[in-house]
N, C-alpha and C. Protein backbone atom coordinates (compact mmCIF):
# COMPACT_ATOMS: atom_id res chain seq x y z
N MET A 1 -11.96 -19.34 -17.32
CA MET A 1 -13.12 -18.83 -16.61
C MET A 1 -13.30 -19.54 -15.27
N THR A 2 -13.01 -20.84 -15.25
CA THR A 2 -13.16 -21.60 -14.01
C THR A 2 -12.17 -21.11 -12.95
N ARG A 3 -10.93 -20.84 -13.38
CA ARG A 3 -9.94 -20.34 -12.41
C ARG A 3 -10.36 -19.00 -11.83
N THR A 4 -10.93 -18.16 -12.66
CA THR A 4 -11.39 -16.85 -12.20
C THR A 4 -12.51 -17.00 -11.17
N ALA A 5 -13.45 -17.91 -11.43
CA ALA A 5 -14.54 -18.15 -10.48
C ALA A 5 -14.01 -18.69 -9.16
N TYR A 6 -13.04 -19.60 -9.23
CA TYR A 6 -12.43 -20.13 -8.00
C TYR A 6 -11.70 -19.03 -7.23
N ALA A 7 -10.96 -18.19 -7.95
CA ALA A 7 -10.21 -17.11 -7.29
C ALA A 7 -11.16 -16.11 -6.66
N MET A 8 -12.26 -15.78 -7.35
CA MET A 8 -13.23 -14.84 -6.79
C MET A 8 -13.89 -15.42 -5.54
N THR A 9 -14.23 -16.70 -5.59
CA THR A 9 -14.85 -17.35 -4.43
C THR A 9 -13.88 -17.42 -3.26
N ALA A 10 -12.64 -17.79 -3.53
CA ALA A 10 -11.64 -17.86 -2.46
C ALA A 10 -11.39 -16.49 -1.85
N GLY A 11 -11.29 -15.46 -2.69
CA GLY A 11 -11.10 -14.10 -2.18
C GLY A 11 -12.27 -13.63 -1.34
N PHE A 12 -13.47 -13.98 -1.75
CA PHE A 12 -14.67 -13.59 -1.01
C PHE A 12 -14.69 -14.24 0.37
N ILE A 13 -14.45 -15.55 0.43
CA ILE A 13 -14.48 -16.29 1.70
C ILE A 13 -13.34 -15.84 2.61
N MET A 14 -12.15 -15.70 2.06
CA MET A 14 -10.99 -15.30 2.86
C MET A 14 -11.21 -13.92 3.48
N THR A 15 -11.80 -13.02 2.72
CA THR A 15 -12.02 -11.67 3.23
C THR A 15 -13.07 -11.65 4.33
N LEU A 16 -14.11 -12.48 4.21
CA LEU A 16 -15.10 -12.56 5.29
C LEU A 16 -14.44 -13.01 6.59
N ILE A 17 -13.53 -13.95 6.49
CA ILE A 17 -12.86 -14.48 7.69
C ILE A 17 -11.92 -13.43 8.29
N LEU A 18 -11.21 -12.71 7.45
CA LEU A 18 -10.19 -11.76 7.93
C LEU A 18 -10.71 -10.33 8.08
N ASN A 19 -12.00 -10.11 7.88
CA ASN A 19 -12.55 -8.75 7.94
C ASN A 19 -12.29 -8.03 9.27
N PRO A 20 -12.37 -8.71 10.44
CA PRO A 20 -12.07 -7.97 11.69
C PRO A 20 -10.69 -7.33 11.70
N LEU A 21 -9.70 -8.01 11.15
CA LEU A 21 -8.35 -7.43 11.08
C LEU A 21 -8.32 -6.23 10.15
N ASP A 22 -9.07 -6.29 9.07
CA ASP A 22 -9.13 -5.17 8.14
C ASP A 22 -9.83 -3.97 8.77
N VAL A 23 -10.85 -4.23 9.58
CA VAL A 23 -11.54 -3.14 10.28
C VAL A 23 -10.55 -2.42 11.21
N ILE A 24 -9.77 -3.20 11.96
CA ILE A 24 -8.77 -2.60 12.86
C ILE A 24 -7.76 -1.78 12.07
N LEU A 25 -7.24 -2.34 10.98
CA LEU A 25 -6.25 -1.63 10.17
C LEU A 25 -6.81 -0.32 9.62
N THR A 26 -8.00 -0.37 9.05
CA THR A 26 -8.60 0.83 8.46
C THR A 26 -8.85 1.89 9.52
N ARG A 27 -9.35 1.49 10.68
CA ARG A 27 -9.64 2.47 11.73
C ARG A 27 -8.37 3.03 12.36
N MET A 28 -7.33 2.21 12.47
CA MET A 28 -6.06 2.74 12.98
C MET A 28 -5.49 3.78 12.02
N GLN A 29 -5.56 3.50 10.72
CA GLN A 29 -5.05 4.45 9.74
C GLN A 29 -5.88 5.73 9.74
N ALA A 30 -7.18 5.60 9.88
CA ALA A 30 -8.05 6.78 9.87
C ALA A 30 -7.90 7.61 11.13
N SER A 31 -7.50 6.99 12.24
CA SER A 31 -7.38 7.71 13.50
C SER A 31 -6.31 8.79 13.45
N TYR A 32 -5.35 8.66 12.57
CA TYR A 32 -4.28 9.65 12.50
C TYR A 32 -4.75 10.98 11.93
N VAL A 33 -5.85 10.98 11.20
CA VAL A 33 -6.33 12.23 10.62
C VAL A 33 -7.54 12.79 11.35
N LEU A 34 -8.05 12.07 12.34
CA LEU A 34 -9.21 12.53 13.11
C LEU A 34 -8.77 13.33 14.33
N LYS A 35 -9.65 14.15 14.83
CA LYS A 35 -9.38 14.83 16.09
C LYS A 35 -9.29 13.77 17.19
N PRO A 36 -8.49 14.02 18.23
CA PRO A 36 -8.29 13.00 19.27
C PRO A 36 -9.58 12.48 19.90
N GLU A 37 -10.58 13.34 20.08
CA GLU A 37 -11.82 12.88 20.70
C GLU A 37 -12.66 12.01 19.77
N LEU A 38 -12.39 12.09 18.46
CA LEU A 38 -13.12 11.26 17.50
C LEU A 38 -12.36 10.01 17.09
N ALA A 39 -11.09 9.95 17.41
CA ALA A 39 -10.24 8.84 16.97
C ALA A 39 -10.62 7.54 17.66
N TYR A 40 -10.43 6.46 16.93
CA TYR A 40 -10.64 5.13 17.51
C TYR A 40 -9.45 4.80 18.40
N GLN A 41 -9.70 4.15 19.48
CA GLN A 41 -8.63 3.80 20.41
C GLN A 41 -8.27 2.32 20.23
N TYR A 42 -7.65 2.01 19.12
CA TYR A 42 -7.27 0.64 18.83
C TYR A 42 -5.80 0.43 19.16
N GLN A 43 -5.51 -0.73 19.65
CA GLN A 43 -4.14 -1.10 19.99
C GLN A 43 -3.75 -2.37 19.24
N GLY A 44 -3.95 -2.37 17.94
CA GLY A 44 -3.58 -3.52 17.11
C GLY A 44 -4.41 -4.75 17.41
N LEU A 45 -3.76 -5.90 17.44
CA LEU A 45 -4.47 -7.16 17.66
C LEU A 45 -5.11 -7.25 19.04
N ALA A 46 -4.62 -6.46 19.98
CA ALA A 46 -5.23 -6.46 21.32
C ALA A 46 -6.66 -5.94 21.26
N SER A 47 -7.00 -5.21 20.21
CA SER A 47 -8.35 -4.68 20.06
C SER A 47 -9.32 -5.67 19.45
N LEU A 48 -8.80 -6.81 18.97
CA LEU A 48 -9.66 -7.77 18.29
C LEU A 48 -10.82 -8.27 19.15
N PRO A 49 -10.63 -8.59 20.44
CA PRO A 49 -11.79 -9.04 21.24
C PRO A 49 -12.88 -7.98 21.36
N ASN A 50 -12.53 -6.71 21.30
CA ASN A 50 -13.53 -5.64 21.39
C ASN A 50 -14.40 -5.55 20.14
N LEU A 51 -13.91 -6.12 19.04
CA LEU A 51 -14.65 -6.05 17.79
C LEU A 51 -15.78 -7.07 17.71
N PHE A 52 -15.69 -8.14 18.47
CA PHE A 52 -16.68 -9.19 18.33
C PHE A 52 -18.04 -8.65 18.72
N GLY A 53 -18.92 -8.68 17.81
CA GLY A 53 -20.23 -8.08 17.93
C GLY A 53 -20.57 -7.49 16.58
N LYS A 54 -21.26 -6.37 16.58
CA LYS A 54 -21.71 -5.81 15.31
C LYS A 54 -20.59 -5.19 14.49
N ASP A 55 -19.51 -4.72 15.12
CA ASP A 55 -18.42 -4.10 14.36
C ASP A 55 -17.57 -5.12 13.61
N MET A 56 -17.65 -6.37 13.98
CA MET A 56 -16.76 -7.37 13.41
C MET A 56 -16.93 -7.47 11.89
N LEU A 57 -18.13 -7.34 11.40
CA LEU A 57 -18.37 -7.50 9.97
C LEU A 57 -18.69 -6.18 9.28
N THR A 58 -18.28 -5.06 9.87
CA THR A 58 -18.51 -3.76 9.24
C THR A 58 -17.80 -3.72 7.89
N GLY A 59 -18.56 -3.47 6.85
CA GLY A 59 -17.99 -3.38 5.51
C GLY A 59 -17.55 -4.70 4.91
N ALA A 60 -17.99 -5.82 5.49
CA ALA A 60 -17.52 -7.13 5.03
C ALA A 60 -17.95 -7.42 3.60
N LEU A 61 -19.16 -7.08 3.26
CA LEU A 61 -19.63 -7.37 1.90
C LEU A 61 -18.84 -6.55 0.88
N ALA A 62 -18.67 -5.26 1.13
CA ALA A 62 -17.89 -4.43 0.21
C ALA A 62 -16.44 -4.89 0.15
N ASN A 63 -15.88 -5.28 1.28
CA ASN A 63 -14.51 -5.77 1.33
C ASN A 63 -14.37 -7.06 0.53
N SER A 64 -15.32 -7.98 0.69
CA SER A 64 -15.27 -9.24 -0.04
C SER A 64 -15.46 -9.02 -1.53
N LEU A 65 -16.36 -8.12 -1.89
CA LEU A 65 -16.55 -7.81 -3.31
C LEU A 65 -15.30 -7.16 -3.90
N GLN A 66 -14.63 -6.34 -3.10
CA GLN A 66 -13.40 -5.70 -3.58
C GLN A 66 -12.34 -6.75 -3.90
N LYS A 67 -12.14 -7.71 -3.02
CA LYS A 67 -11.14 -8.75 -3.26
C LYS A 67 -11.54 -9.64 -4.43
N SER A 68 -12.82 -9.94 -4.54
CA SER A 68 -13.29 -10.76 -5.66
C SER A 68 -13.09 -10.04 -6.99
N MET A 69 -13.40 -8.77 -7.03
CA MET A 69 -13.24 -8.00 -8.27
C MET A 69 -11.77 -7.80 -8.61
N LEU A 70 -10.92 -7.69 -7.60
CA LEU A 70 -9.48 -7.60 -7.84
C LEU A 70 -8.98 -8.87 -8.52
N ALA A 71 -9.40 -10.03 -7.99
CA ALA A 71 -9.01 -11.31 -8.60
C ALA A 71 -9.57 -11.43 -10.01
N PHE A 72 -10.82 -11.04 -10.19
CA PHE A 72 -11.46 -11.10 -11.51
C PHE A 72 -10.71 -10.23 -12.51
N GLY A 73 -10.44 -8.99 -12.13
CA GLY A 73 -9.77 -8.07 -13.04
C GLY A 73 -8.36 -8.48 -13.39
N MET A 74 -7.65 -9.02 -12.42
CA MET A 74 -6.25 -9.36 -12.67
C MET A 74 -6.09 -10.68 -13.42
N LEU A 75 -6.81 -11.71 -13.03
CA LEU A 75 -6.61 -13.02 -13.67
C LEU A 75 -7.01 -13.01 -15.14
N GLY A 76 -8.21 -12.52 -15.41
CA GLY A 76 -8.66 -12.51 -16.80
C GLY A 76 -7.80 -11.65 -17.69
N THR A 77 -7.44 -10.48 -17.22
CA THR A 77 -6.63 -9.56 -18.01
C THR A 77 -5.23 -10.12 -18.25
N TYR A 78 -4.64 -10.71 -17.21
CA TYR A 78 -3.28 -11.25 -17.36
C TYR A 78 -3.24 -12.37 -18.40
N ASP A 79 -4.15 -13.33 -18.28
CA ASP A 79 -4.16 -14.45 -19.23
C ASP A 79 -4.40 -13.98 -20.65
N HIS A 80 -5.37 -13.08 -20.82
CA HIS A 80 -5.68 -12.60 -22.16
C HIS A 80 -4.53 -11.78 -22.74
N ALA A 81 -3.99 -10.85 -21.96
CA ALA A 81 -2.90 -10.00 -22.46
C ALA A 81 -1.66 -10.83 -22.78
N LYS A 82 -1.33 -11.78 -21.92
CA LYS A 82 -0.15 -12.61 -22.16
C LYS A 82 -0.29 -13.42 -23.45
N SER A 83 -1.44 -14.03 -23.65
CA SER A 83 -1.62 -14.81 -24.88
C SER A 83 -1.69 -13.91 -26.12
N PHE A 84 -2.31 -12.75 -25.99
CA PHE A 84 -2.39 -11.82 -27.13
C PHE A 84 -1.01 -11.38 -27.57
N TRP A 85 -0.19 -10.90 -26.62
CA TRP A 85 1.13 -10.40 -26.99
C TRP A 85 2.08 -11.53 -27.35
N ALA A 86 1.94 -12.68 -26.75
CA ALA A 86 2.80 -13.81 -27.12
C ALA A 86 2.49 -14.26 -28.55
N ASN A 87 1.21 -14.21 -28.95
CA ASN A 87 0.85 -14.59 -30.32
C ASN A 87 1.34 -13.56 -31.33
N ASN A 88 1.33 -12.28 -30.96
CA ASN A 88 1.73 -11.23 -31.90
C ASN A 88 3.23 -10.95 -31.92
N TRP A 89 3.90 -11.04 -30.77
CA TRP A 89 5.32 -10.69 -30.68
C TRP A 89 6.22 -11.91 -30.52
N GLY A 90 5.64 -13.04 -30.25
CA GLY A 90 6.43 -14.21 -29.94
C GLY A 90 6.68 -14.26 -28.43
N ASP A 91 7.40 -15.25 -28.01
CA ASP A 91 7.64 -15.43 -26.57
C ASP A 91 8.87 -14.62 -26.15
N VAL A 92 8.73 -13.31 -26.13
CA VAL A 92 9.83 -12.43 -25.73
C VAL A 92 9.79 -12.19 -24.23
N THR A 93 10.88 -11.70 -23.70
CA THR A 93 11.02 -11.51 -22.25
C THR A 93 10.03 -10.52 -21.67
N GLY A 94 9.66 -9.49 -22.40
CA GLY A 94 8.82 -8.43 -21.86
C GLY A 94 7.34 -8.71 -21.85
N VAL A 95 6.91 -9.85 -22.37
CA VAL A 95 5.47 -10.12 -22.47
C VAL A 95 4.84 -10.29 -21.09
N LYS A 96 5.44 -11.08 -20.22
CA LYS A 96 4.85 -11.33 -18.90
C LYS A 96 4.81 -10.08 -18.02
N PRO A 97 5.90 -9.29 -17.93
CA PRO A 97 5.80 -8.05 -17.14
C PRO A 97 4.78 -7.06 -17.70
N LEU A 98 4.68 -6.97 -19.02
CA LEU A 98 3.71 -6.07 -19.63
C LEU A 98 2.28 -6.54 -19.34
N ALA A 99 2.06 -7.84 -19.43
CA ALA A 99 0.74 -8.39 -19.11
C ALA A 99 0.41 -8.17 -17.64
N ALA A 100 1.40 -8.33 -16.77
CA ALA A 100 1.18 -8.11 -15.33
C ALA A 100 0.85 -6.65 -15.05
N MET A 101 1.48 -5.72 -15.77
CA MET A 101 1.19 -4.30 -15.58
C MET A 101 -0.26 -4.00 -15.97
N PHE A 102 -0.69 -4.50 -17.12
CA PHE A 102 -2.07 -4.28 -17.54
C PHE A 102 -3.06 -4.96 -16.60
N ALA A 103 -2.70 -6.14 -16.09
CA ALA A 103 -3.58 -6.83 -15.14
C ALA A 103 -3.72 -6.05 -13.84
N SER A 104 -2.64 -5.44 -13.38
CA SER A 104 -2.70 -4.63 -12.16
C SER A 104 -3.59 -3.41 -12.35
N ILE A 105 -3.47 -2.78 -13.50
CA ILE A 105 -4.32 -1.62 -13.79
C ILE A 105 -5.79 -2.03 -13.83
N ALA A 106 -6.08 -3.13 -14.51
CA ALA A 106 -7.47 -3.61 -14.61
C ALA A 106 -8.00 -4.01 -13.23
N GLY A 107 -7.17 -4.68 -12.44
CA GLY A 107 -7.60 -5.07 -11.09
C GLY A 107 -7.93 -3.85 -10.24
N GLY A 108 -7.11 -2.82 -10.35
CA GLY A 108 -7.38 -1.59 -9.61
C GLY A 108 -8.66 -0.90 -10.05
N ILE A 109 -8.89 -0.88 -11.35
CA ILE A 109 -10.11 -0.25 -11.87
C ILE A 109 -11.35 -0.98 -11.37
N PHE A 110 -11.29 -2.31 -11.35
CA PHE A 110 -12.43 -3.10 -10.88
C PHE A 110 -12.61 -3.00 -9.37
N ALA A 111 -11.52 -2.94 -8.60
CA ALA A 111 -11.58 -3.08 -7.15
C ALA A 111 -11.72 -1.76 -6.39
N LEU A 112 -11.18 -0.67 -6.92
CA LEU A 112 -11.15 0.57 -6.15
C LEU A 112 -12.51 1.13 -5.75
N PRO A 113 -13.55 1.04 -6.57
CA PRO A 113 -14.85 1.54 -6.08
C PRO A 113 -15.33 0.81 -4.83
N PHE A 114 -15.10 -0.51 -4.78
CA PHE A 114 -15.51 -1.28 -3.60
C PHE A 114 -14.62 -0.97 -2.40
N ASP A 115 -13.34 -0.67 -2.66
CA ASP A 115 -12.44 -0.30 -1.57
C ASP A 115 -12.86 1.03 -0.96
N ASN A 116 -13.29 1.96 -1.78
CA ASN A 116 -13.76 3.25 -1.30
C ASN A 116 -14.99 3.07 -0.41
N ILE A 117 -15.94 2.26 -0.86
CA ILE A 117 -17.15 1.99 -0.07
C ILE A 117 -16.77 1.32 1.25
N LYS A 118 -15.90 0.32 1.20
CA LYS A 118 -15.48 -0.41 2.39
C LYS A 118 -14.83 0.52 3.40
N THR A 119 -13.94 1.37 2.95
CA THR A 119 -13.25 2.28 3.85
C THR A 119 -14.22 3.25 4.51
N LYS A 120 -15.15 3.78 3.75
CA LYS A 120 -16.13 4.70 4.33
C LYS A 120 -17.02 4.01 5.36
N LEU A 121 -17.39 2.76 5.09
CA LEU A 121 -18.21 2.03 6.06
C LEU A 121 -17.44 1.70 7.33
N GLN A 122 -16.17 1.32 7.19
CA GLN A 122 -15.40 0.92 8.35
C GLN A 122 -14.94 2.08 9.22
N VAL A 123 -14.84 3.26 8.64
CA VAL A 123 -14.35 4.42 9.40
C VAL A 123 -15.49 5.17 10.09
N GLN A 124 -16.70 5.07 9.57
CA GLN A 124 -17.81 5.85 10.15
C GLN A 124 -18.07 5.45 11.59
N LYS A 125 -18.49 6.42 12.35
CA LYS A 125 -18.86 6.20 13.75
C LYS A 125 -20.36 6.30 13.89
N GLU A 126 -20.89 5.62 14.89
CA GLU A 126 -22.33 5.72 15.15
C GLU A 126 -22.65 7.07 15.77
N GLY A 127 -23.89 7.49 15.54
CA GLY A 127 -24.36 8.70 16.20
C GLY A 127 -24.18 9.90 15.44
């Protein structure tokens, strides 16, 4: 439980720091499906100085929660699944990949709602 709390905290803080880069990435990806007059005019990292202001933390809370929930879903599920199958099947080769697969599914289930919210917040335009 302690490792999960540390991972969630680290993911939350790291995402707050790197959120401007995520805003640029999300808006660049969204620009390909928008009409040219609505598209964001980002040029990768060169656009970073333009973000400083209110856009810098657009969707930061949802983004940080998404990373925290991803860590929560994956760490807890992996440890539990690995120990469960190791106790029932023994220490066979397929236990760790199977536990990792279930952890990835659980991480996605926990994180995707927050990713959806984050993307919608970061892509929206004012007005």
